Amino acid sequence: GVEVVFGIPGSHNLAVFGGLAESSIRLVSPRHEQGAGFAAGGYAR
């Protein structure tokens, strides 16, 4: 049931981002990883 994932692509996580590109999950890419973490927490709330 995940509809949104927050994150920043990098050379180490490209396999995940490749999957996101092919999925119905919306990707929101903030400017900093701390922002991704807080955005995920805010989304959960």
PDB file of all heavy atoms in Angstrom:
ATOM      1  N   GLY A   1       0.774  -1.232   0.000  1.00  0.00           N
ATOM      2  CA  GLY A   1       0.000   0.000   0.000  1.00  0.00           C
ATOM      3  C   GLY A   1       0.806   1.283   0.000  1.00  0.00           C
ATOM      4  O   GLY A   1       0.234   2.368   0.157  1.00  0.00           O
ATOM      5  N   VAL A   2       2.117   1.201  -0.175  1.00  0.00           N
ATOM      6  CA  VAL A   2       2.932   2.417  -0.208  1.00  0.00           C
ATOM      7  C   VAL A   2       2.603   3.195  -1.473  1.00  0.00           C
ATOM      8  O   VAL A   2       2.623   2.645  -2.575  1.00  0.00           O
ATOM      9  CB  VAL A   2       4.442   2.083  -0.132  1.00  0.00           C
ATOM     10  CG1 VAL A   2       5.290   3.328  -0.335  1.00  0.00           C
ATOM     11  CG2 VAL A   2       4.751   1.420   1.201  1.00  0.00           C
ATOM     12  N   GLU A   3       2.293   4.468  -1.300  1.00  0.00           N
ATOM     13  CA  GLU A   3       1.949   5.327  -2.434  1.00  0.00           C
ATOM     14  C   GLU A   3       2.998   6.383  -2.719  1.00  0.00           C
ATOM     15  O   GLU A   3       3.060   6.915  -3.822  1.00  0.00           O
ATOM     16  CB  GLU A   3       0.606   6.013  -2.171  1.00  0.00           C
ATOM     17  CG  GLU A   3      -0.541   5.030  -2.035  1.00  0.00           C
ATOM     18  CD  GLU A   3      -1.829   5.681  -1.563  1.00  0.00           C
ATOM     19  OE1 GLU A   3      -1.789   6.814  -1.040  1.00  0.00           O
ATOM     20  OE2 GLU A   3      -2.879   5.046  -1.718  1.00  0.00           O
ATOM     21  N   VAL A   4       3.808   6.722  -1.701  1.00  0.00           N
ATOM     22  CA  VAL A   4       4.814   7.767  -1.833  1.00  0.00           C
ATOM     23  C   VAL A   4       6.101   7.295  -1.166  1.00  0.00           C
ATOM     24  O   VAL A   4       6.063   6.719  -0.087  1.00  0.00           O
ATOM     25  CB  VAL A   4       4.354   9.084  -1.153  1.00  0.00           C
ATOM     26  CG1 VAL A   4       5.414  10.164  -1.287  1.00  0.00           C
ATOM     27  CG2 VAL A   4       3.035   9.559  -1.703  1.00  0.00           C
ATOM     28  N   VAL A   5       7.234   7.567  -1.817  1.00  0.00           N
ATOM     29  CA  VAL A   5       8.546   7.323  -1.231  1.00  0.00           C
ATOM     30  C   VAL A   5       9.347   8.607  -1.370  1.00  0.00           C
ATOM     31  O   VAL A   5       9.320   9.257  -2.411  1.00  0.00           O
ATOM     32  CB  VAL A   5       9.277   6.155  -1.934  1.00  0.00           C
ATOM     33  CG1 VAL A   5      10.748   6.103  -1.538  1.00  0.00           C
ATOM     34  CG2 VAL A   5       8.613   4.826  -1.602  1.00  0.00           C
ATOM     35  N   PHE A   6      10.044   8.959  -0.314  1.00  0.00           N
ATOM     36  CA  PHE A   6      10.898  10.140  -0.301  1.00  0.00           C
ATOM     37  C   PHE A   6      12.336   9.674  -0.414  1.00  0.00           C
ATOM     38  O   PHE A   6      12.710   8.687   0.222  1.00  0.00           O
ATOM     39  CB  PHE A   6      10.691  10.930   1.000  1.00  0.00           C
ATOM     40  CG  PHE A   6       9.260  11.340   1.202  1.00  0.00           C
ATOM     41  CD1 PHE A   6       8.372  10.494   1.856  1.00  0.00           C
ATOM     42  CD2 PHE A   6       8.791  12.543   0.719  1.00  0.00           C
ATOM     43  CE1 PHE A   6       7.041  10.857   2.035  1.00  0.00           C
ATOM     44  CE2 PHE A   6       7.470  12.912   0.887  1.00  0.00           C
ATOM     45  CZ  PHE A   6       6.588  12.064   1.551  1.00  0.00           C
ATOM     46  N   GLY A   7      13.147  10.350  -1.196  1.00  0.00           N
ATOM     47  CA  GLY A   7      14.529   9.927  -1.268  1.00  0.00           C
ATOM     48  C   GLY A   7      15.342  10.611  -2.333  1.00  0.00           C
ATOM     49  O   GLY A   7      14.817  11.301  -3.207  1.00  0.00           O
ATOM     50  N   ILE A   8      16.646  10.390  -2.212  1.00  0.00           N
ATOM     51  CA  ILE A   8      17.606  10.972  -3.130  1.00  0.00           C
ATOM     52  C   ILE A   8      18.400   9.840  -3.774  1.00  0.00           C
ATOM     53  O   ILE A   8      19.026   9.045  -3.071  1.00  0.00           O
ATOM     54  CB  ILE A   8      18.553  11.928  -2.379  1.00  0.00           C
ATOM     55  CG1 ILE A   8      17.743  13.052  -1.732  1.00  0.00           C
ATOM     56  CG2 ILE A   8      19.633  12.476  -3.309  1.00  0.00           C
ATOM     57  CD1 ILE A   8      18.542  13.964  -0.827  1.00  0.00           C
ATOM     58  N   PRO A   9      18.363   9.758  -5.111  1.00  0.00           N
ATOM     59  CA  PRO A   9      19.116   8.694  -5.766  1.00  0.00           C
ATOM     60  C   PRO A   9      20.621   8.931  -5.688  1.00  0.00           C
ATOM     61  O   PRO A   9      21.082  10.065  -5.626  1.00  0.00           O
ATOM     62  CB  PRO A   9      18.624   8.745  -7.209  1.00  0.00           C
ATOM     63  CG  PRO A   9      18.033  10.095  -7.392  1.00  0.00           C
ATOM     64  CD  PRO A   9      17.613  10.583  -6.042  1.00  0.00           C
ATOM     65  N   GLY A  10      21.342   7.851  -5.664  1.00  0.00           N
ATOM     66  CA  GLY A  10      22.802   7.887  -5.680  1.00  0.00           C
ATOM     67  C   GLY A  10      23.307   6.592  -6.282  1.00  0.00           C
ATOM     68  O   GLY A  10      22.540   5.664  -6.528  1.00  0.00           O
ATOM     69  N   SER A  11      24.584   6.501  -6.493  1.00  0.00           N
ATOM     70  CA  SER A  11      25.136   5.327  -7.181  1.00  0.00           C
ATOM     71  C   SER A  11      24.856   4.019  -6.435  1.00  0.00           C
ATOM     72  O   SER A  11      24.778   2.969  -7.050  1.00  0.00           O
ATOM     73  CB  SER A  11      26.640   5.501  -7.387  1.00  0.00           C
ATOM     74  OG  SER A  11      27.298   5.684  -6.151  1.00  0.00           O
ATOM     75  N   HIS A  12      24.654   4.074  -5.132  1.00  0.00           N
ATOM     76  CA  HIS A  12      24.453   2.854  -4.347  1.00  0.00           C
ATOM     77  C   HIS A  12      23.015   2.352  -4.327  1.00  0.00           C
ATOM     78  O   HIS A  12      22.776   1.189  -4.014  1.00  0.00           O
ATOM     79  CB  HIS A  12      24.901   3.082  -2.900  1.00  0.00           C
ATOM     80  CG  HIS A  12      26.320   3.480  -2.791  1.00  0.00           C
ATOM     81  ND1 HIS A  12      26.704   4.780  -2.549  1.00  0.00           N
ATOM     82  CD2 HIS A  12      27.449   2.774  -2.923  1.00  0.00           C
ATOM     83  CE1 HIS A  12      28.012   4.843  -2.512  1.00  0.00           C
ATOM     84  NE2 HIS A  12      28.490   3.638  -2.737  1.00  0.00           N
ATOM     85  N   ASN A  13      22.049   3.206  -4.570  1.00  0.00           N
ATOM     86  CA  ASN A  13      20.649   2.799  -4.442  1.00  0.00           C
ATOM     87  C   ASN A  13      19.890   2.795  -5.763  1.00  0.00           C
ATOM     88  O   ASN A  13      18.668   2.808  -5.776  1.00  0.00           O
ATOM     89  CB  ASN A  13      19.930   3.668  -3.399  1.00  0.00           C
ATOM     90  CG  ASN A  13      19.928   5.140  -3.762  1.00  0.00           C
ATOM     91  OD1 ASN A  13      20.125   5.525  -4.905  1.00  0.00           O
ATOM     92  ND2 ASN A  13      19.694   5.987  -2.765  1.00  0.00           N
ATOM     93  N   LEU A  14      20.597   2.779  -6.878  1.00  0.00           N
ATOM     94  CA  LEU A  14      19.947   2.862  -8.184  1.00  0.00           C
ATOM     95  C   LEU A  14      18.983   1.713  -8.454  1.00  0.00           C
ATOM     96  O   LEU A  14      17.999   1.894  -9.160  1.00  0.00           O
ATOM     97  CB  LEU A  14      20.988   2.973  -9.293  1.00  0.00           C
ATOM     98  CG  LEU A  14      21.760   4.289  -9.303  1.00  0.00           C
ATOM     99  CD1 LEU A  14      22.805   4.286 -10.407  1.00  0.00           C
ATOM    100  CD2 LEU A  14      20.819   5.481  -9.447  1.00  0.00           C
ATOM    101  N   ALA A  15      19.224   0.542  -7.875  1.00  0.00           N
ATOM    102  CA  ALA A  15      18.304  -0.583  -8.077  1.00  0.00           C
ATOM    103  C   ALA A  15      16.929  -0.268  -7.496  1.00  0.00           C
ATOM    104  O   ALA A  15      15.898  -0.639  -8.071  1.00  0.00           O
ATOM    105  CB  ALA A  15      18.865  -1.856  -7.459  1.00  0.00           C
ATOM    106  N   VAL A  16      16.899   0.439  -6.377  1.00  0.00           N
ATOM    107  CA  VAL A  16      15.620   0.835  -5.781  1.00  0.00           C
ATOM    108  C   VAL A  16      14.947   1.894  -6.663  1.00  0.00           C
ATOM    109  O   VAL A  16      13.752   1.795  -6.968  1.00  0.00           O
ATOM    110  CB  VAL A  16      15.818   1.377  -4.350  1.00  0.00           C
ATOM    111  CG1 VAL A  16      14.495   1.887  -3.784  1.00  0.00           C
ATOM    112  CG2 VAL A  16      16.416   0.312  -3.451  1.00  0.00           C
ATOM    113  N   PHE A  17      15.701   2.871  -7.092  1.00  0.00           N
ATOM    114  CA  PHE A  17      15.121   3.938  -7.903  1.00  0.00           C
ATOM    115  C   PHE A  17      14.695   3.444  -9.279  1.00  0.00           C
ATOM    116  O   PHE A  17      13.737   3.950  -9.851  1.00  0.00           O
ATOM    117  CB  PHE A  17      16.070   5.135  -7.985  1.00  0.00           C
ATOM    118  CG  PHE A  17      16.006   5.964  -6.733  1.00  0.00           C
ATOM    119  CD1 PHE A  17      16.803   5.651  -5.648  1.00  0.00           C
ATOM    120  CD2 PHE A  17      15.116   7.015  -6.615  1.00  0.00           C
ATOM    121  CE1 PHE A  17      16.723   6.378  -4.466  1.00  0.00           C
ATOM    122  CE2 PHE A  17      15.025   7.749  -5.446  1.00  0.00           C
ATOM    123  CZ  PHE A  17      15.831   7.430  -4.377  1.00  0.00           C
ATOM    124  N   GLY A  18      15.370   2.426  -9.808  1.00  0.00           N
ATOM    125  CA  GLY A  18      14.915   1.799 -11.043  1.00  0.00           C
ATOM    126  C   GLY A  18      13.544   1.172 -10.859  1.00  0.00           C
ATOM    127  O   GLY A  18      12.670   1.289 -11.717  1.00  0.00           O
ATOM    128  N   GLY A  19      13.354   0.517  -9.715  1.00  0.00           N
ATOM    129  CA  GLY A  19      12.048  -0.061  -9.406  1.00  0.00           C
ATOM    130  C   GLY A  19      10.980   0.997  -9.209  1.00  0.00           C
ATOM    131  O   GLY A  19       9.838   0.838  -9.644  1.00  0.00           O
ATOM    132  N   LEU A  20      11.340   2.103  -8.558  1.00  0.00           N
ATOM    133  CA  LEU A  20      10.373   3.183  -8.354  1.00  0.00           C
ATOM    134  C   LEU A  20       9.918   3.776  -9.684  1.00  0.00           C
ATOM    135  O   LEU A  20       8.741   4.107  -9.860  1.00  0.00           O
ATOM    136  CB  LEU A  20      10.975   4.278  -7.472  1.00  0.00           C
ATOM    137  CG  LEU A  20      11.096   3.939  -5.988  1.00  0.00           C
ATOM    138  CD1 LEU A  20      11.963   4.966  -5.267  1.00  0.00           C
ATOM    139  CD2 LEU A  20       9.716   3.833  -5.345  1.00  0.00           C
ATOM    140  N   ALA A  21      10.844   3.896 -10.630  1.00  0.00           N
ATOM    141  CA  ALA A  21      10.511   4.463 -11.942  1.00  0.00           C
ATOM    142  C   ALA A  21       9.489   3.607 -12.686  1.00  0.00           C
ATOM    143  O   ALA A  21       8.723   4.130 -13.497  1.00  0.00           O
ATOM    144  CB  ALA A  21      11.779   4.618 -12.782  1.00  0.00           C
ATOM    145  N   GLU A  22       9.467   2.321 -12.387  1.00  0.00           N
ATOM    146  CA  GLU A  22       8.547   1.402 -13.066  1.00  0.00           C
ATOM    147  C   GLU A  22       7.268   1.150 -12.263  1.00  0.00           C
ATOM    148  O   GLU A  22       6.410   0.410 -12.703  1.00  0.00           O
ATOM    149  CB  GLU A  22       9.259   0.070 -13.288  1.00  0.00           C
ATOM    150  CG  GLU A  22      10.562   0.201 -14.024  1.00  0.00           C
ATOM    151  CD  GLU A  22      10.460  -0.210 -15.474  1.00  0.00           C
ATOM    152  OE1 GLU A  22       9.545  -0.965 -15.800  1.00  0.00           O
ATOM    153  OE2 GLU A  22      11.299   0.249 -16.252  1.00  0.00           O
ATOM    154  N   SER A  23       7.160   1.757 -11.098  1.00  0.00           N
ATOM    155  CA  SER A  23       6.016   1.478 -10.216  1.00  0.00           C
ATOM    156  C   SER A  23       5.011   2.622 -10.233  1.00  0.00           C
ATOM    157  O   SER A  23       5.247   3.670 -10.824  1.00  0.00           O
ATOM    158  CB  SER A  23       6.511   1.260  -8.775  1.00  0.00           C
ATOM    159  OG  SER A  23       6.823   2.507  -8.177  1.00  0.00           O
ATOM    160  N   SER A  24       3.917   2.406  -9.538  1.00  0.00           N
ATOM    161  CA  SER A  24       2.913   3.463  -9.376  1.00  0.00           C
ATOM    162  C   SER A  24       3.222   4.354  -8.172  1.00  0.00           C
ATOM    163  O   SER A  24       2.506   5.317  -7.909  1.00  0.00           O
ATOM    164  CB  SER A  24       1.520   2.839  -9.202  1.00  0.00           C
ATOM    165  OG  SER A  24       1.465   2.111  -7.984  1.00  0.00           O
ATOM    166  N   ILE A  25       4.284   4.040  -7.453  1.00  0.00           N
ATOM    167  CA  ILE A  25       4.657   4.825  -6.269  1.00  0.00           C
ATOM    168  C   ILE A  25       5.221   6.164  -6.713  1.00  0.00           C
ATOM    169  O   ILE A  25       6.075   6.230  -7.597  1.00  0.00           O
ATOM    170  CB  ILE A  25       5.689   4.060  -5.411  1.00  0.00           C
ATOM    171  CG1 ILE A  25       5.068   2.766  -4.864  1.00  0.00           C
ATOM    172  CG2 ILE A  25       6.212   4.938  -4.278  1.00  0.00           C
ATOM    173  CD1 ILE A  25       6.045   1.866  -4.119  1.00  0.00           C
ATOM    174  N   ARG A  26       4.735   7.224  -6.094  1.00  0.00           N
ATOM    175  CA  ARG A  26       5.217   8.573  -6.394  1.00  0.00           C
ATOM    176  C   ARG A  26       6.518   8.824  -5.645  1.00  0.00           C
ATOM    177  O   ARG A  26       6.609   8.569  -4.453  1.00  0.00           O
ATOM    178  CB  ARG A  26       4.161   9.597  -5.976  1.00  0.00           C
ATOM    179  CG  ARG A  26       4.475  10.994  -6.429  1.00  0.00           C
ATOM    180  CD  ARG A  26       3.301  11.930  -6.145  1.00  0.00           C
ATOM    181  NE  ARG A  26       3.845  13.092  -5.473  1.00  0.00           N
ATOM    182  CZ  ARG A  26       3.351  13.643  -4.390  1.00  0.00           C
ATOM    183  NH1 ARG A  26       2.280  13.155  -3.831  1.00  0.00           N
ATOM    184  NH2 ARG A  26       3.922  14.686  -3.862  1.00  0.00           N
ATOM    185  N   LEU A  27       7.505   9.329  -6.337  1.00  0.00           N
ATOM    186  CA  LEU A  27       8.783   9.665  -5.724  1.00  0.00           C
ATOM    187  C   LEU A  27       8.835  11.165  -5.472  1.00  0.00           C
ATOM    188  O   LEU A  27       8.572  11.966  -6.365  1.00  0.00           O
ATOM    189  CB  LEU A  27       9.948   9.275  -6.634  1.00  0.00           C
ATOM    190  CG  LEU A  27      11.325   9.785  -6.211  1.00  0.00           C
ATOM    191  CD1 LEU A  27      11.732   9.176  -4.865  1.00  0.00           C
ATOM    192  CD2 LEU A  27      12.353   9.483  -7.288  1.00  0.00           C
ATOM    193  N   VAL A  28       9.165  11.533  -4.236  1.00  0.00           N
ATOM    194  CA  VAL A  28       9.400  12.929  -3.884  1.00  0.00           C
ATOM    195  C   VAL A  28      10.860  13.013  -3.462  1.00  0.00           C
ATOM    196  O   VAL A  28      11.281  12.337  -2.528  1.00  0.00           O
ATOM    197  CB  VAL A  28       8.472  13.395  -2.739  1.00  0.00           C
ATOM    198  CG1 VAL A  28       8.795  14.832  -2.342  1.00  0.00           C
ATOM    199  CG2 VAL A  28       7.013  13.247  -3.147  1.00  0.00           C
ATOM    200  N   SER A  29      11.622  13.826  -4.189  1.00  0.00           N
ATOM    201  CA  SER A  29      13.056  13.917  -3.930  1.00  0.00           C
ATOM    202  C   SER A  29      13.393  15.275  -3.319  1.00  0.00           C
ATOM    203  O   SER A  29      13.421  16.285  -4.012  1.00  0.00           O
ATOM    204  CB  SER A  29      13.829  13.713  -5.237  1.00  0.00           C
ATOM    205  OG  SER A  29      15.211  13.641  -4.968  1.00  0.00           O
ATOM    206  N   PRO A  30      13.645  15.300  -2.009  1.00  0.00           N
ATOM    207  CA  PRO A  30      14.014  16.553  -1.352  1.00  0.00           C
ATOM    208  C   PRO A  30      15.471  16.897  -1.643  1.00  0.00           C
ATOM    209  O   PRO A  30      16.170  16.148  -2.320  1.00  0.00           O
ATOM    210  CB  PRO A  30      13.806  16.244   0.130  1.00  0.00           C
ATOM    211  CG  PRO A  30      14.090  14.782   0.219  1.00  0.00           C
ATOM    212  CD  PRO A  30      13.620  14.182  -1.081  1.00  0.00           C
ATOM    213  N   ARG A  31      15.941  17.974  -1.098  1.00  0.00           N
ATOM    214  CA  ARG A  31      17.321  18.409  -1.342  1.00  0.00           C
ATOM    215  C   ARG A  31      18.317  17.796  -0.362  1.00  0.00           C
ATOM    216  O   ARG A  31      19.514  17.928  -0.544  1.00  0.00           O
ATOM    217  CB  ARG A  31      17.403  19.927  -1.266  1.00  0.00           C
ATOM    218  CG  ARG A  31      16.638  20.581  -2.376  1.00  0.00           C
ATOM    219  CD  ARG A  31      16.677  22.087  -2.241  1.00  0.00           C
ATOM    220  NE  ARG A  31      15.835  22.694  -3.235  1.00  0.00           N
ATOM    221  CZ  ARG A  31      16.286  23.305  -4.305  1.00  0.00           C
ATOM    222  NH1 ARG A  31      17.570  23.404  -4.525  1.00  0.00           N
ATOM    223  NH2 ARG A  31      15.453  23.834  -5.163  1.00  0.00           N
ATOM    224  N   HIS A  32      17.821  17.147   0.695  1.00  0.00           N
ATOM    225  CA  HIS A  32      18.717  16.622   1.731  1.00  0.00           C
ATOM    226  C   HIS A  32      18.065  15.389   2.348  1.00  0.00           C
ATOM    227  O   HIS A  32      16.838  15.312   2.462  1.00  0.00           O
ATOM    228  CB  HIS A  32      18.937  17.715   2.792  1.00  0.00           C
ATOM    229  CG  HIS A  32      20.030  17.435   3.752  1.00  0.00           C
ATOM    230  ND1 HIS A  32      19.830  16.682   4.889  1.00  0.00           N
ATOM    231  CD2 HIS A  32      21.333  17.791   3.764  1.00  0.00           C
ATOM    232  CE1 HIS A  32      20.971  16.603   5.569  1.00  0.00           C
ATOM    233  NE2 HIS A  32      21.900  17.261   4.904  1.00  0.00           N
ATOM    234  N   GLU A  33      18.874  14.437   2.772  1.00  0.00           N
ATOM    235  CA  GLU A  33      18.352  13.200   3.356  1.00  0.00           C
ATOM    236  C   GLU A  33      17.558  13.446   4.635  1.00  0.00           C
ATOM    237  O   GLU A  33      16.601  12.740   4.927  1.00  0.00           O
ATOM    238  CB  GLU A  33      19.489  12.216   3.638  1.00  0.00           C
ATOM    239  CG  GLU A  33      20.189  11.710   2.405  1.00  0.00           C
ATOM    240  CD  GLU A  33      21.321  12.605   1.921  1.00  0.00           C
ATOM    241  OE1 GLU A  33      21.533  13.708   2.485  1.00  0.00           O
ATOM    242  OE2 GLU A  33      22.008  12.204   0.965  1.00  0.00           O
ATOM    243  N   GLN A  34      17.967  14.439   5.424  1.00  0.00           N
ATOM    244  CA  GLN A  34      17.198  14.757   6.627  1.00  0.00           C
ATOM    245  C   GLN A  34      15.785  15.166   6.239  1.00  0.00           C
ATOM    246  O   GLN A  34      14.821  14.778   6.890  1.00  0.00           O
ATOM    247  CB  GLN A  34      17.885  15.856   7.426  1.00  0.00           C
ATOM    248  CG  GLN A  34      17.222  16.088   8.780  1.00  0.00           C
ATOM    249  CD  GLN A  34      17.960  17.140   9.579  1.00  0.00           C
ATOM    250  OE1 GLN A  34      18.043  18.295   9.155  1.00  0.00           O
ATOM    251  NE2 GLN A  34      18.492  16.742  10.715  1.00  0.00           N
ATOM    252  N   GLY A  35      15.673  15.928   5.158  1.00  0.00           N
ATOM    253  CA  GLY A  35      14.355  16.316   4.645  1.00  0.00           C
ATOM    254  C   GLY A  35      13.542  15.101   4.236  1.00  0.00           C
ATOM    255  O   GLY A  35      12.331  15.056   4.458  1.00  0.00           O
ATOM    256  N   ALA A  36      14.197  14.103   3.638  1.00  0.00           N
ATOM    257  CA  ALA A  36      13.489  12.876   3.254  1.00  0.00           C
ATOM    258  C   ALA A  36      12.942  12.172   4.485  1.00  0.00           C
ATOM    259  O   ALA A  36      11.794  11.713   4.500  1.00  0.00           O
ATOM    260  CB  ALA A  36      14.425  11.952   2.474  1.00  0.00           C
ATOM    261  N   GLY A  37      13.752  12.093   5.526  1.00  0.00           N
ATOM    262  CA  GLY A  37      13.316  11.438   6.759  1.00  0.00           C
ATOM    263  C   GLY A  37      12.164  12.164   7.427  1.00  0.00           C
ATOM    264  O   GLY A  37      11.178  11.544   7.842  1.00  0.00           O
ATOM    265  N   PHE A  38      12.285  13.482   7.533  1.00  0.00           N
ATOM    266  CA  PHE A  38      11.201  14.253   8.151  1.00  0.00           C
ATOM    267  C   PHE A  38       9.946  14.250   7.277  1.00  0.00           C
ATOM    268  O   PHE A  38       8.826  14.233   7.795  1.00  0.00           O
ATOM    269  CB  PHE A  38      11.643  15.679   8.477  1.00  0.00           C
ATOM    270  CG  PHE A  38      12.406  15.773   9.777  1.00  0.00           C
ATOM    271  CD1 PHE A  38      13.726  16.183   9.801  1.00  0.00           C
ATOM    272  CD2 PHE A  38      11.793  15.441  10.985  1.00  0.00           C
ATOM    273  CE1 PHE A  38      14.431  16.265  11.002  1.00  0.00           C
ATOM    274  CE2 PHE A  38      12.486  15.514  12.184  1.00  0.00           C
ATOM    275  CZ  PHE A  38      13.809  15.924  12.195  1.00  0.00           C
ATOM    276  N   ALA A  39      10.118  14.258   5.956  1.00  0.00           N
ATOM    277  CA  ALA A  39       8.953  14.197   5.061  1.00  0.00           C
ATOM    278  C   ALA A  39       8.224  12.864   5.224  1.00  0.00           C
ATOM    279  O   ALA A  39       6.988  12.826   5.267  1.00  0.00           O
ATOM    280  CB  ALA A  39       9.387  14.400   3.613  1.00  0.00           C
ATOM    281  N   ALA A  40       8.984  11.768   5.345  1.00  0.00           N
ATOM    282  CA  ALA A  40       8.356  10.460   5.552  1.00  0.00           C
ATOM    283  C   ALA A  40       7.603  10.434   6.883  1.00  0.00           C
ATOM    284  O   ALA A  40       6.493   9.896   6.969  1.00  0.00           O
ATOM    285  CB  ALA A  40       9.408   9.351   5.506  1.00  0.00           C
ATOM    286  N   GLY A  41       8.196  11.038   7.914  1.00  0.00           N
ATOM    287  CA  GLY A  41       7.515  11.113   9.206  1.00  0.00           C
ATOM    288  C   GLY A  41       6.265  11.974   9.140  1.00  0.00           C
ATOM    289  O   GLY A  41       5.216  11.614   9.686  1.00  0.00           O
ATOM    290  N   GLY A  42       6.344  13.089   8.457  1.00  0.00           N
ATOM    291  CA  GLY A  42       5.185  13.966   8.292  1.00  0.00           C
ATOM    292  C   GLY A  42       4.090  13.290   7.486  1.00  0.00           C
ATOM    293  O   GLY A  42       2.905  13.400   7.805  1.00  0.00           O
ATOM    294  N   TYR A  43       4.497  12.584   6.444  1.00  0.00           N
ATOM    295  CA  TYR A  43       3.525  11.845   5.633  1.00  0.00           C
ATOM    296  C   TYR A  43       2.807  10.805   6.492  1.00  0.00           C
ATOM    297  O   TYR A  43       1.580  10.665   6.427  1.00  0.00           O
ATOM    298  CB  TYR A  43       4.223  11.162   4.452  1.00  0.00           C
ATOM    299  CG  TYR A  43       3.310  10.263   3.667  1.00  0.00           C
ATOM    300  CD1 TYR A  43       2.493  10.775   2.660  1.00  0.00           C
ATOM    301  CD2 TYR A  43       3.231   8.902   3.943  1.00  0.00           C
ATOM    302  CE1 TYR A  43       1.630   9.956   1.946  1.00  0.00           C
ATOM    303  CE2 TYR A  43       2.377   8.073   3.238  1.00  0.00           C
ATOM    304  CZ  TYR A  43       1.584   8.605   2.243  1.00  0.00           C
ATOM    305  OH  TYR A  43       0.719   7.788   1.548  1.00  0.00           O
ATOM    306  N   ALA A  44       3.561  10.062   7.307  1.00  0.00           N
ATOM    307  CA  ALA A  44       2.952   9.038   8.165  1.00  0.00           C
ATOM    308  C   ALA A  44       1.934   9.656   9.114  1.00  0.00           C
ATOM    309  O   ALA A  44       0.849   9.107   9.330  1.00  0.00           O
ATOM    310  CB  ALA A  44       4.039   8.297   8.949  1.00  0.00           C
ATOM    311  N   ARG A  45       2.265  10.802   9.665  1.00  0.00           N
ATOM    312  CA  ARG A  45       1.340  11.481  10.588  1.00  0.00           C
ATOM    313  C   ARG A  45       0.079  11.953   9.862  1.00  0.00           C
ATOM    314  O   ARG A  45      -1.027  11.793  10.370  1.00  0.00           O
ATOM    315  CB  ARG A  45       2.028  12.676  11.228  1.00  0.00           C
ATOM    316  CG  ARG A  45       3.146  12.327  12.173  1.00  0.00           C
ATOM    317  CD  ARG A  45       3.929  13.588  12.537  1.00  0.00           C
ATOM    318  NE  ARG A  45       5.199  13.318  13.153  1.00  0.00           N
ATOM    319  CZ  ARG A  45       5.456  13.482  14.438  1.00  0.00           C
ATOM    320  NH1 ARG A  45       4.530  13.902  15.253  1.00  0.00           N
ATOM    321  NH2 ARG A  45       6.655  13.210  14.910  1.00  0.00           N
TER     322      ARG A  45
END
